[in-house]
Amino acid sequence: MEAVVQNTTDLATEKDAMETLFSYLDKGIDDMEAGRVHTADEAFRIIRERMKHEL
């Protein structure tokens, strides 16, 4: 029983993480289309900061 509960929890956590990542990627695409372009270093810094606040 514990294995089923743990597996379900892991899948939910992974799904949430993937949805958050795709949300950030969508925001990045929207920014690029609007002409708000960041360097790769700036983009990773922004994502790291947002992830800190999400956790």
PDB file of N, CA and C in Angstrom:
ATOM      1  N   MET A   1       0.826  -1.196   0.000  1.00  0.00           N
ATOM      2  CA  MET A   1       0.000   0.000   0.000  1.00  0.00           C
ATOM      3  C   MET A   1       0.870   1.261   0.000  1.00  0.00           C
ATOM      4  N   GLU A   2       1.910   1.258   0.820  1.00  0.00           N
ATOM      5  CA  GLU A   2       2.785   2.443   0.889  1.00  0.00           C
ATOM      6  C   GLU A   2       3.422   2.744  -0.455  1.00  0.00           C
ATOM      7  N   ALA A   3       3.789   1.702  -1.186  1.00  0.00           N
ATOM      8  CA  ALA A   3       4.422   1.903  -2.500  1.00  0.00           C
ATOM      9  C   ALA A   3       3.464   2.602  -3.449  1.00  0.00           C
ATOM     10  N   VAL A   4       2.192   2.248  -3.393  1.00  0.00           N
ATOM     11  CA  VAL A   4       1.197   2.879  -4.264  1.00  0.00           C
ATOM     12  C   VAL A   4       1.037   4.340  -3.893  1.00  0.00           C
ATOM     13  N   VAL A   5       0.947   4.627  -2.606  1.00  0.00           N
ATOM     14  CA  VAL A   5       0.787   6.010  -2.148  1.00  0.00           C
ATOM     15  C   VAL A   5       2.015   6.825  -2.513  1.00  0.00           C
ATOM     16  N   GLN A   6       3.208   6.283  -2.294  1.00  0.00           N
ATOM     17  CA  GLN A   6       4.450   6.996  -2.615  1.00  0.00           C
ATOM     18  C   GLN A   6       4.540   7.250  -4.106  1.00  0.00           C
ATOM     19  N   ASN A   7       4.226   6.248  -4.913  1.00  0.00           N
ATOM     20  CA  ASN A   7       4.294   6.391  -6.367  1.00  0.00           C
ATOM     21  C   ASN A   7       3.323   7.470  -6.845  1.00  0.00           C
ATOM     22  N   THR A   8       2.127   7.497  -6.291  1.00  0.00           N
ATOM     23  CA  THR A   8       1.130   8.505  -6.660  1.00  0.00           C
ATOM     24  C   THR A   8       1.612   9.894  -6.272  1.00  0.00           C
ATOM     25  N   THR A   9       2.206  10.017  -5.093  1.00  0.00           N
ATOM     26  CA  THR A   9       2.728  11.306  -4.630  1.00  0.00           C
ATOM     27  C   THR A   9       3.861  11.778  -5.529  1.00  0.00           C
ATOM     28  N   ASP A  10       4.755  10.870  -5.887  1.00  0.00           N
ATOM     29  CA  ASP A  10       5.871  11.229  -6.765  1.00  0.00           C
ATOM     30  C   ASP A  10       5.366  11.705  -8.120  1.00  0.00           C
ATOM     31  N   LEU A  11       4.361  11.022  -8.668  1.00  0.00           N
ATOM     32  CA  LEU A  11       3.821  11.413  -9.966  1.00  0.00           C
ATOM     33  C   LEU A  11       3.152  12.782  -9.896  1.00  0.00           C
ATOM     34  N   ALA A  12       2.433  13.046  -8.812  1.00  0.00           N
ATOM     35  CA  ALA A  12       1.782  14.350  -8.661  1.00  0.00           C
ATOM     36  C   ALA A  12       2.822  15.445  -8.546  1.00  0.00           C
ATOM     37  N   THR A  13       3.875  15.196  -7.780  1.00  0.00           N
ATOM     38  CA  THR A  13       4.946  16.182  -7.623  1.00  0.00           C
ATOM     39  C   THR A  13       5.651  16.426  -8.950  1.00  0.00           C
ATOM     40  N   GLU A  14       5.919  15.363  -9.681  1.00  0.00           N
ATOM     41  CA  GLU A  14       6.579  15.502 -10.976  1.00  0.00           C
ATOM     42  C   GLU A  14       5.676  16.252 -11.949  1.00  0.00           C
ATOM     43  N   LYS A  15       4.391  15.959 -11.934  1.00  0.00           N
ATOM     44  CA  LYS A  15       3.448  16.643 -12.821  1.00  0.00           C
ATOM     45  C   LYS A  15       3.412  18.131 -12.486  1.00  0.00           C
ATOM     46  N   ASP A  16       3.369  18.474 -11.204  1.00  0.00           N
ATOM     47  CA  ASP A  16       3.369  19.877 -10.798  1.00  0.00           C
ATOM     48  C   ASP A  16       4.644  20.581 -11.253  1.00  0.00           C
ATOM     49  N   ALA A  17       5.776  19.896 -11.104  1.00  0.00           N
ATOM     50  CA  ALA A  17       7.056  20.478 -11.515  1.00  0.00           C
ATOM     51  C   ALA A  17       7.081  20.726 -13.018  1.00  0.00           C
ATOM     52  N   MET A  18       6.578  19.775 -13.790  1.00  0.00           N
ATOM     53  CA  MET A  18       6.558  19.934 -15.243  1.00  0.00           C
ATOM     54  C   MET A  18       5.618  21.063 -15.651  1.00  0.00           C
ATOM     55  N   GLU A  19       4.468  21.165 -15.012  1.00  0.00           N
ATOM     56  CA  GLU A  19       3.529  22.242 -15.331  1.00  0.00           C
ATOM     57  C   GLU A  19       4.138  23.603 -15.014  1.00  0.00           C
ATOM     58  N   THR A  20       4.872  23.685 -13.900  1.00  0.00           N
ATOM     59  CA  THR A  20       5.531  24.939 -13.537  1.00  0.00           C
ATOM     60  C   THR A  20       6.594  25.296 -14.571  1.00  0.00           C
ATOM     61  N   LEU A  21       7.395  24.315 -14.960  1.00  0.00           N
ATOM     62  CA  LEU A  21       8.441  24.554 -15.958  1.00  0.00           C
ATOM     63  C   LEU A  21       7.839  25.023 -17.277  1.00  0.00           C
ATOM     64  N   PHE A  22       6.792  24.344 -17.746  1.00  0.00           N
ATOM     65  CA  PHE A  22       6.167  24.746 -19.001  1.00  0.00           C
ATOM     66  C   PHE A  22       5.540  26.125 -18.897  1.00  0.00           C
ATOM     67  N   SER A  23       5.040  26.465 -17.721  1.00  0.00           N
ATOM     68  CA  SER A  23       4.489  27.806 -17.515  1.00  0.00           C
ATOM     69  C   SER A  23       5.584  28.857 -17.686  1.00  0.00           C
ATOM     70  N   TYR A  24       6.760  28.581 -17.121  1.00  0.00           N
ATOM     71  CA  TYR A  24       7.884  29.513 -17.263  1.00  0.00           C
ATOM     72  C   TYR A  24       8.325  29.612 -18.725  1.00  0.00           C
ATOM     73  N   LEU A  25       8.350  28.476 -19.406  1.00  0.00           N
ATOM     74  CA  LEU A  25       8.747  28.490 -20.817  1.00  0.00           C
ATOM     75  C   LEU A  25       7.745  29.282 -21.652  1.00  0.00           C
ATOM     76  N   ASP A  26       6.461  29.096 -21.365  1.00  0.00           N
ATOM     77  CA  ASP A  26       5.429  29.866 -22.075  1.00  0.00           C
ATOM     78  C   ASP A  26       5.621  31.357 -21.851  1.00  0.00           C
ATOM     79  N   LYS A  27       5.917  31.744 -20.622  1.00  0.00           N
ATOM     80  CA  LYS A  27       6.145  33.161 -20.291  1.00  0.00           C
ATOM     81  C   LYS A  27       7.347  33.680 -21.071  1.00  0.00           C
ATOM     82  N   GLY A  28       8.396  32.846 -21.159  1.00  0.00           N
ATOM     83  CA  GLY A  28       9.586  33.247 -21.914  1.00  0.00           C
ATOM     84  C   GLY A  28       9.286  33.455 -23.383  1.00  0.00           C
ATOM     85  N   ILE A  29       8.476  32.584 -23.946  1.00  0.00           N
ATOM     86  CA  ILE A  29       8.092  32.730 -25.352  1.00  0.00           C
ATOM     87  C   ILE A  29       7.269  34.000 -25.541  1.00  0.00           C
ATOM     88  N   ASP A  30       6.344  34.251 -24.625  1.00  0.00           N
ATOM     89  CA  ASP A  30       5.551  35.482 -24.702  1.00  0.00           C
ATOM     90  C   ASP A  30       6.443  36.713 -24.636  1.00  0.00           C
ATOM     91  N   ASP A  31       7.444  36.687 -23.743  1.00  0.00           N
ATOM     92  CA  ASP A  31       8.384  37.813 -23.629  1.00  0.00           C
ATOM     93  C   ASP A  31       9.145  38.024 -24.933  1.00  0.00           C
ATOM     94  N   MET A  32       9.610  36.935 -25.533  1.00  0.00           N
ATOM     95  CA  MET A  32      10.358  37.049 -26.785  1.00  0.00           C
ATOM     96  C   MET A  32       9.483  37.624 -27.886  1.00  0.00           C
ATOM     97  N   GLU A  33       8.255  37.149 -27.974  1.00  0.00           N
ATOM     98  CA  GLU A  33       7.351  37.650 -29.009  1.00  0.00           C
ATOM     99  C   GLU A  33       7.031  39.125 -28.817  1.00  0.00           C
ATOM    100  N   ALA A  34       7.074  39.596 -27.557  1.00  0.00           N
ATOM    101  CA  ALA A  34       6.789  40.995 -27.268  1.00  0.00           C
ATOM    102  C   ALA A  34       8.050  41.863 -27.349  1.00  0.00           C
ATOM    103  N   GLY A  35       9.181  41.226 -27.699  1.00  0.00           N
ATOM    104  CA  GLY A  35      10.421  41.990 -27.828  1.00  0.00           C
ATOM    105  C   GLY A  35      11.202  42.145 -26.540  1.00  0.00           C
ATOM    106  N   ARG A  36      10.759  41.495 -25.479  1.00  0.00           N
ATOM    107  CA  ARG A  36      11.489  41.530 -24.209  1.00  0.00           C
ATOM    108  C   ARG A  36      12.417  40.321 -24.180  1.00  0.00           C
ATOM    109  N   VAL A  37      13.624  40.499 -24.665  1.00  0.00           N
ATOM    110  CA  VAL A  37      14.568  39.404 -24.812  1.00  0.00           C
ATOM    111  C   VAL A  37      15.637  39.501 -23.731  1.00  0.00           C
ATOM    112  N   HIS A  38      15.954  38.359 -23.129  1.00  0.00           N
ATOM    113  CA  HIS A  38      16.989  38.283 -22.092  1.00  0.00           C
ATOM    114  C   HIS A  38      18.122  37.393 -22.589  1.00  0.00           C
ATOM    115  N   THR A  39      19.309  37.623 -22.046  1.00  0.00           N
ATOM    116  CA  THR A  39      20.398  36.699 -22.338  1.00  0.00           C
ATOM    117  C   THR A  39      20.096  35.386 -21.634  1.00  0.00           C
ATOM    118  N   ALA A  40      20.802  34.334 -22.012  1.00  0.00           N
ATOM    119  CA  ALA A  40      20.584  33.022 -21.379  1.00  0.00           C
ATOM    120  C   ALA A  40      20.862  33.106 -19.887  1.00  0.00           C
ATOM    121  N   ASP A  41      21.929  33.814 -19.489  1.00  0.00           N
ATOM    122  CA  ASP A  41      22.253  33.947 -18.068  1.00  0.00           C
ATOM    123  C   ASP A  41      21.138  34.662 -17.311  1.00  0.00           C
ATOM    124  N   GLU A  42      20.601  35.733 -17.903  1.00  0.00           N
ATOM    125  CA  GLU A  42      19.496  36.452 -17.255  1.00  0.00           C
ATOM    126  C   GLU A  42      18.268  35.556 -17.137  1.00  0.00           C
ATOM    127  N   ALA A  43      17.985  34.806 -18.183  1.00  0.00           N
ATOM    128  CA  ALA A  43      16.811  33.929 -18.177  1.00  0.00           C
ATOM    129  C   ALA A  43      16.934  32.873 -17.088  1.00  0.00           C
ATOM    130  N   PHE A  44      18.106  32.247 -16.962  1.00  0.00           N
ATOM    131  CA  PHE A  44      18.290  31.242 -15.920  1.00  0.00           C
ATOM    132  C   PHE A  44      18.213  31.863 -14.530  1.00  0.00           C
ATOM    133  N   ARG A  45      18.728  33.076 -14.373  1.00  0.00           N
ATOM    134  CA  ARG A  45      18.646  33.754 -13.077  1.00  0.00           C
ATOM    135  C   ARG A  45      17.182  34.020 -12.714  1.00  0.00           C
ATOM    136  N   ILE A  46      16.417  34.490 -13.676  1.00  0.00           N
ATOM    137  CA  ILE A  46      15.000  34.770 -13.442  1.00  0.00           C
ATOM    138  C   ILE A  46      14.265  33.488 -13.058  1.00  0.00           C
ATOM    139  N   ILE A  47      14.532  32.409 -13.775  1.00  0.00           N
ATOM    140  CA  ILE A  47      13.869  31.141 -13.480  1.00  0.00           C
ATOM    141  C   ILE A  47      14.253  30.641 -12.094  1.00  0.00           C
ATOM    142  N   ARG A  48      15.548  30.732 -11.744  1.00  0.00           N
ATOM    143  CA  ARG A  48      15.977  30.287 -10.406  1.00  0.00           C
ATOM    144  C   ARG A  48      15.285  31.091  -9.322  1.00  0.00           C
ATOM    145  N   GLU A  49      15.185  32.407  -9.503  1.00  0.00           N
ATOM    146  CA  GLU A  49      14.522  33.249  -8.506  1.00  0.00           C
ATOM    147  C   GLU A  49      13.047  32.877  -8.362  1.00  0.00           C
ATOM    148  N   ARG A  50      12.381  32.654  -9.488  1.00  0.00           N
ATOM    149  CA  ARG A  50      10.949  32.286  -9.436  1.00  0.00           C
ATOM    150  C   ARG A  50      10.752  30.935  -8.785  1.00  0.00           C
ATOM    151  N   MET A  51      11.664  30.002  -9.066  1.00  0.00           N
ATOM    152  CA  MET A  51      11.542  28.667  -8.457  1.00  0.00           C
ATOM    153  C   MET A  51      11.756  28.728  -6.953  1.00  0.00           C
ATOM    154  N   LYS A  52      12.645  29.594  -6.484  1.00  0.00           N
ATOM    155  CA  LYS A  52      12.848  29.747  -5.033  1.00  0.00           C
ATOM    156  C   LYS A  52      11.550  30.202  -4.356  1.00  0.00           C
ATOM    157  N   HIS A  53      10.843  31.094  -5.016  1.00  0.00           N
ATOM    158  CA  HIS A  53       9.614  31.619  -4.439  1.00  0.00           C
ATOM    159  C   HIS A  53       8.460  30.621  -4.538  1.00  0.00           C
ATOM    160  N   GLU A  54       8.549  29.687  -5.492  1.00  0.00           N
ATOM    161  CA  GLU A  54       7.506  28.670  -5.652  1.00  0.00           C
ATOM    162  C   GLU A  54       7.624  27.607  -4.582  1.00  0.00           C
ATOM    163  N   LEU A  55       8.876  27.320  -4.167  1.00  0.00           N
ATOM    164  CA  LEU A  55       9.083  26.250  -3.194  1.00  0.00           C
ATOM    165  C   LEU A  55       8.860  26.811  -1.851  1.00  0.00           C
TER     166      LEU A  55
END
